[in-house]
N, C-alpha and C. Protein backbone atom coordinates (compact mmCIF):
# COMPACT_ATOMS: atom_id res chain seq x y z
N UNK A 1 -60.88 -35.31 2.22
CA UNK A 1 -59.50 -35.06 2.12
C UNK A 1 -59.02 -34.26 3.32
N UNK A 2 -58.39 -34.93 4.22
CA UNK A 2 -57.91 -34.21 5.40
C UNK A 2 -56.40 -34.12 5.35
N UNK A 3 -55.91 -33.00 5.76
CA UNK A 3 -54.45 -32.80 5.79
C UNK A 3 -54.02 -32.65 7.24
N UNK A 4 -52.81 -33.09 7.50
CA UNK A 4 -52.28 -32.97 8.86
C UNK A 4 -51.72 -31.57 9.07
N UNK A 5 -52.00 -31.01 10.18
CA UNK A 5 -51.50 -29.67 10.51
C UNK A 5 -50.11 -29.80 11.11
N UNK A 6 -49.25 -28.83 10.83
CA UNK A 6 -47.88 -28.85 11.36
C UNK A 6 -47.76 -27.87 12.52
N UNK A 7 -48.77 -27.76 13.33
CA UNK A 7 -48.71 -26.86 14.47
C UNK A 7 -47.97 -27.53 15.61
N UNK A 8 -47.73 -26.78 16.67
CA UNK A 8 -47.00 -27.31 17.81
C UNK A 8 -47.92 -27.99 18.81
N UNK A 9 -49.13 -28.28 18.43
CA UNK A 9 -50.05 -28.95 19.34
C UNK A 9 -49.88 -30.45 19.21
N UNK A 10 -50.00 -31.14 20.34
CA UNK A 10 -49.95 -32.60 20.33
C UNK A 10 -51.35 -33.14 20.09
N UNK A 11 -51.47 -34.44 20.03
CA UNK A 11 -52.78 -35.04 19.75
C UNK A 11 -53.79 -34.75 20.87
N UNK A 12 -53.30 -34.45 22.08
CA UNK A 12 -54.20 -34.18 23.19
C UNK A 12 -54.68 -32.75 23.21
N UNK A 13 -54.18 -31.88 22.35
CA UNK A 13 -54.61 -30.51 22.31
C UNK A 13 -53.71 -29.56 23.11
N UNK A 14 -52.76 -30.08 23.91
CA UNK A 14 -51.86 -29.23 24.71
C UNK A 14 -50.64 -28.87 23.88
N UNK A 15 -50.08 -27.72 24.13
CA UNK A 15 -48.89 -27.29 23.40
C UNK A 15 -47.64 -27.91 24.03
N UNK A 16 -46.63 -28.19 23.17
CA UNK A 16 -45.36 -28.71 23.66
C UNK A 16 -44.61 -27.57 24.34
N UNK A 17 -43.88 -27.85 25.42
CA UNK A 17 -43.11 -26.78 26.07
C UNK A 17 -41.96 -26.34 25.15
N UNK A 18 -41.66 -25.04 25.17
CA UNK A 18 -40.57 -24.51 24.34
C UNK A 18 -39.24 -24.90 24.94
N UNK A 19 -38.29 -25.18 24.06
CA UNK A 19 -36.95 -25.54 24.48
C UNK A 19 -36.18 -24.28 24.86
N UNK A 20 -35.44 -24.28 25.99
CA UNK A 20 -34.65 -23.10 26.34
C UNK A 20 -33.55 -22.86 25.30
N UNK A 21 -33.11 -21.62 25.19
CA UNK A 21 -32.17 -21.25 24.13
C UNK A 21 -30.84 -21.97 24.26
N UNK A 22 -30.41 -22.30 25.46
CA UNK A 22 -29.10 -22.92 25.64
C UNK A 22 -29.11 -24.40 25.25
N UNK A 23 -30.26 -24.95 24.97
CA UNK A 23 -30.33 -26.34 24.54
C UNK A 23 -30.48 -26.48 23.01
N UNK A 24 -30.47 -25.38 22.34
CA UNK A 24 -30.56 -25.41 20.87
C UNK A 24 -29.14 -25.41 20.31
N UNK A 25 -28.81 -26.41 19.51
CA UNK A 25 -27.45 -26.56 18.99
C UNK A 25 -27.00 -25.42 18.09
N UNK A 26 -27.90 -24.87 17.31
CA UNK A 26 -27.54 -23.80 16.39
C UNK A 26 -27.09 -22.55 17.13
N UNK A 27 -27.66 -22.30 18.30
CA UNK A 27 -27.25 -21.13 19.09
C UNK A 27 -25.78 -21.26 19.49
N UNK A 28 -25.37 -22.45 19.90
CA UNK A 28 -23.97 -22.64 20.30
C UNK A 28 -23.04 -22.54 19.11
N UNK A 29 -23.51 -22.92 17.95
CA UNK A 29 -22.69 -22.78 16.75
C UNK A 29 -22.51 -21.31 16.38
N UNK A 30 -23.57 -20.53 16.47
CA UNK A 30 -23.52 -19.12 16.12
C UNK A 30 -22.75 -18.31 17.15
N UNK A 31 -22.95 -18.59 18.43
CA UNK A 31 -22.30 -17.83 19.50
C UNK A 31 -20.91 -18.39 19.81
N UNK A 32 -20.78 -19.70 19.77
CA UNK A 32 -19.53 -20.34 20.17
C UNK A 32 -18.38 -20.10 19.23
N UNK A 33 -18.64 -20.08 17.92
CA UNK A 33 -17.55 -19.87 16.96
C UNK A 33 -16.83 -18.55 17.16
N UNK A 34 -17.54 -17.43 17.13
CA UNK A 34 -16.87 -16.15 17.37
C UNK A 34 -16.29 -16.03 18.78
N UNK A 35 -16.93 -16.65 19.76
CA UNK A 35 -16.40 -16.60 21.12
C UNK A 35 -15.05 -17.32 21.20
N UNK A 36 -14.91 -18.43 20.54
CA UNK A 36 -13.63 -19.15 20.52
C UNK A 36 -12.56 -18.30 19.85
N UNK A 37 -12.90 -17.59 18.79
CA UNK A 37 -11.93 -16.74 18.09
C UNK A 37 -11.48 -15.59 18.99
N UNK A 38 -12.40 -14.98 19.72
CA UNK A 38 -12.04 -13.88 20.62
C UNK A 38 -11.13 -14.37 21.74
N UNK A 39 -11.46 -15.49 22.33
CA UNK A 39 -10.63 -16.04 23.42
C UNK A 39 -9.24 -16.40 22.89
N UNK A 40 -9.17 -17.01 21.72
CA UNK A 40 -7.87 -17.37 21.14
C UNK A 40 -7.03 -16.13 20.83
N UNK A 41 -7.65 -15.06 20.38
CA UNK A 41 -6.88 -13.84 20.09
C UNK A 41 -6.37 -13.18 21.36
N UNK A 42 -7.15 -13.22 22.42
CA UNK A 42 -6.69 -12.67 23.70
C UNK A 42 -5.52 -13.49 24.23
N UNK A 43 -5.62 -14.82 24.14
CA UNK A 43 -4.52 -15.67 24.59
C UNK A 43 -3.27 -15.41 23.76
N UNK A 44 -3.42 -15.25 22.46
CA UNK A 44 -2.28 -14.96 21.60
C UNK A 44 -1.64 -13.62 21.95
N UNK A 45 -2.45 -12.61 22.23
CA UNK A 45 -1.91 -11.30 22.61
C UNK A 45 -1.15 -11.38 23.93
N UNK A 46 -1.65 -12.13 24.89
CA UNK A 46 -0.96 -12.28 26.18
C UNK A 46 0.37 -12.99 25.99
N UNK A 47 0.38 -14.07 25.19
CA UNK A 47 1.62 -14.79 24.95
C UNK A 47 2.63 -13.90 24.23
N UNK A 48 2.17 -13.12 23.27
CA UNK A 48 3.08 -12.23 22.53
C UNK A 48 3.63 -11.14 23.43
N UNK A 49 2.81 -10.61 24.33
CA UNK A 49 3.27 -9.53 25.21
C UNK A 49 4.27 -10.04 26.24
N UNK A 50 3.97 -11.18 26.82
CA UNK A 50 4.87 -11.72 27.86
C UNK A 50 6.15 -12.28 27.28
N UNK A 51 6.12 -12.77 26.06
CA UNK A 51 7.30 -13.38 25.47
C UNK A 51 8.04 -12.47 24.51
N UNK A 52 7.80 -11.17 24.59
CA UNK A 52 8.45 -10.23 23.67
C UNK A 52 9.95 -10.19 23.93
N UNK A 53 10.71 -10.13 22.87
CA UNK A 53 12.16 -10.03 22.99
C UNK A 53 12.56 -8.65 23.46
N UNK A 54 13.71 -8.59 24.13
CA UNK A 54 14.22 -7.30 24.59
C UNK A 54 14.78 -6.51 23.41
N UNK A 55 14.72 -5.20 23.52
CA UNK A 55 15.26 -4.34 22.47
C UNK A 55 16.78 -4.33 22.60
N UNK A 56 17.46 -4.57 21.49
CA UNK A 56 18.91 -4.60 21.50
C UNK A 56 19.48 -3.20 21.34
N UNK A 57 20.54 -2.93 22.08
CA UNK A 57 21.24 -1.67 21.94
C UNK A 57 22.21 -1.84 20.79
N UNK A 58 22.20 -0.89 19.86
CA UNK A 58 23.05 -1.01 18.69
C UNK A 58 24.49 -0.74 19.08
N UNK A 59 25.35 -1.70 18.76
CA UNK A 59 26.78 -1.54 19.01
C UNK A 59 27.51 -1.45 17.68
N UNK A 60 28.75 -1.00 17.72
CA UNK A 60 29.52 -0.86 16.50
C UNK A 60 29.94 -2.24 16.02
N UNK A 61 29.64 -2.54 14.78
CA UNK A 61 30.01 -3.83 14.23
C UNK A 61 31.11 -3.65 13.19
N UNK A 62 31.51 -4.74 12.62
CA UNK A 62 32.57 -4.70 11.61
C UNK A 62 32.12 -3.93 10.37
N UNK A 63 30.82 -3.88 10.13
CA UNK A 63 30.31 -3.13 8.98
C UNK A 63 30.50 -1.62 9.15
N UNK A 64 30.47 -1.15 10.40
CA UNK A 64 30.56 0.28 10.66
C UNK A 64 31.98 0.82 10.67
N UNK A 65 32.98 -0.06 10.67
CA UNK A 65 34.38 0.37 10.70
C UNK A 65 34.76 0.88 9.31
N UNK A 66 35.40 2.05 9.24
CA UNK A 66 35.79 2.58 7.93
C UNK A 66 36.78 1.66 7.23
N UNK A 67 36.62 1.54 5.93
CA UNK A 67 37.46 0.64 5.13
C UNK A 67 38.30 1.48 4.19
N UNK A 68 39.59 1.21 4.16
CA UNK A 68 40.49 1.83 3.18
C UNK A 68 40.58 0.87 1.99
N UNK A 69 40.01 1.24 0.87
CA UNK A 69 40.00 0.30 -0.26
C UNK A 69 41.39 0.07 -0.84
N UNK A 70 41.65 -1.18 -1.19
CA UNK A 70 42.86 -1.55 -1.91
C UNK A 70 42.46 -2.60 -2.94
N UNK A 71 43.41 -3.25 -3.55
CA UNK A 71 43.11 -4.21 -4.61
C UNK A 71 42.39 -5.44 -4.08
N UNK A 72 42.51 -5.75 -2.80
CA UNK A 72 41.91 -6.94 -2.22
C UNK A 72 40.56 -6.67 -1.55
N UNK A 73 40.09 -5.45 -1.53
CA UNK A 73 38.84 -5.10 -0.88
C UNK A 73 37.66 -5.63 -1.69
N UNK A 74 36.70 -6.28 -1.05
CA UNK A 74 35.51 -6.74 -1.79
C UNK A 74 34.78 -5.56 -2.43
N UNK A 75 34.10 -5.84 -3.51
CA UNK A 75 33.46 -4.78 -4.31
C UNK A 75 32.41 -4.03 -3.49
N UNK A 76 31.60 -4.72 -2.70
CA UNK A 76 30.55 -4.04 -1.94
C UNK A 76 31.14 -3.09 -0.90
N UNK A 77 32.19 -3.52 -0.22
CA UNK A 77 32.82 -2.67 0.79
C UNK A 77 33.46 -1.46 0.14
N UNK A 78 34.08 -1.65 -0.99
CA UNK A 78 34.72 -0.52 -1.68
C UNK A 78 33.67 0.44 -2.20
N UNK A 79 32.58 -0.08 -2.74
CA UNK A 79 31.53 0.79 -3.24
C UNK A 79 30.90 1.59 -2.10
N UNK A 80 30.62 0.94 -0.97
CA UNK A 80 30.03 1.64 0.15
C UNK A 80 30.99 2.66 0.73
N UNK A 81 32.27 2.36 0.71
CA UNK A 81 33.26 3.30 1.22
C UNK A 81 33.33 4.55 0.34
N UNK A 82 33.14 4.37 -0.94
CA UNK A 82 33.21 5.49 -1.86
C UNK A 82 32.04 6.44 -1.63
N UNK A 83 30.94 5.97 -1.10
CA UNK A 83 29.78 6.81 -0.89
C UNK A 83 29.81 7.53 0.45
N UNK A 84 30.74 7.16 1.35
CA UNK A 84 30.78 7.81 2.67
C UNK A 84 31.81 8.92 2.64
N UNK A 85 31.58 9.96 3.44
CA UNK A 85 32.56 11.06 3.48
C UNK A 85 33.83 10.63 4.20
N UNK A 86 34.91 11.29 3.87
CA UNK A 86 36.21 10.98 4.49
C UNK A 86 36.20 11.43 5.93
N UNK A 87 36.84 10.65 6.81
CA UNK A 87 36.88 10.95 8.24
C UNK A 87 38.25 11.44 8.65
N UNK A 88 38.87 12.35 7.89
CA UNK A 88 40.23 12.88 8.21
C UNK A 88 40.17 13.96 9.19
């Protein structure tokens, strides 16, 4: 009863040469996945920094103008006016 050995020796008795690490597919899967994520995040950060919108200077809008409530004033404007101090 003879069993075959699963060693790295060939039938001639010489060992097979080892494969370099860069030719092993699993290495590229393990290293390449996170590397792609890092490169994509750097590209996203550069695009976000270069394409950032300018900061707007706040100007007075129609909402900031004091409202004198009357019968035709919308409820929200009248309510907000009631909470602000008088500007006399």
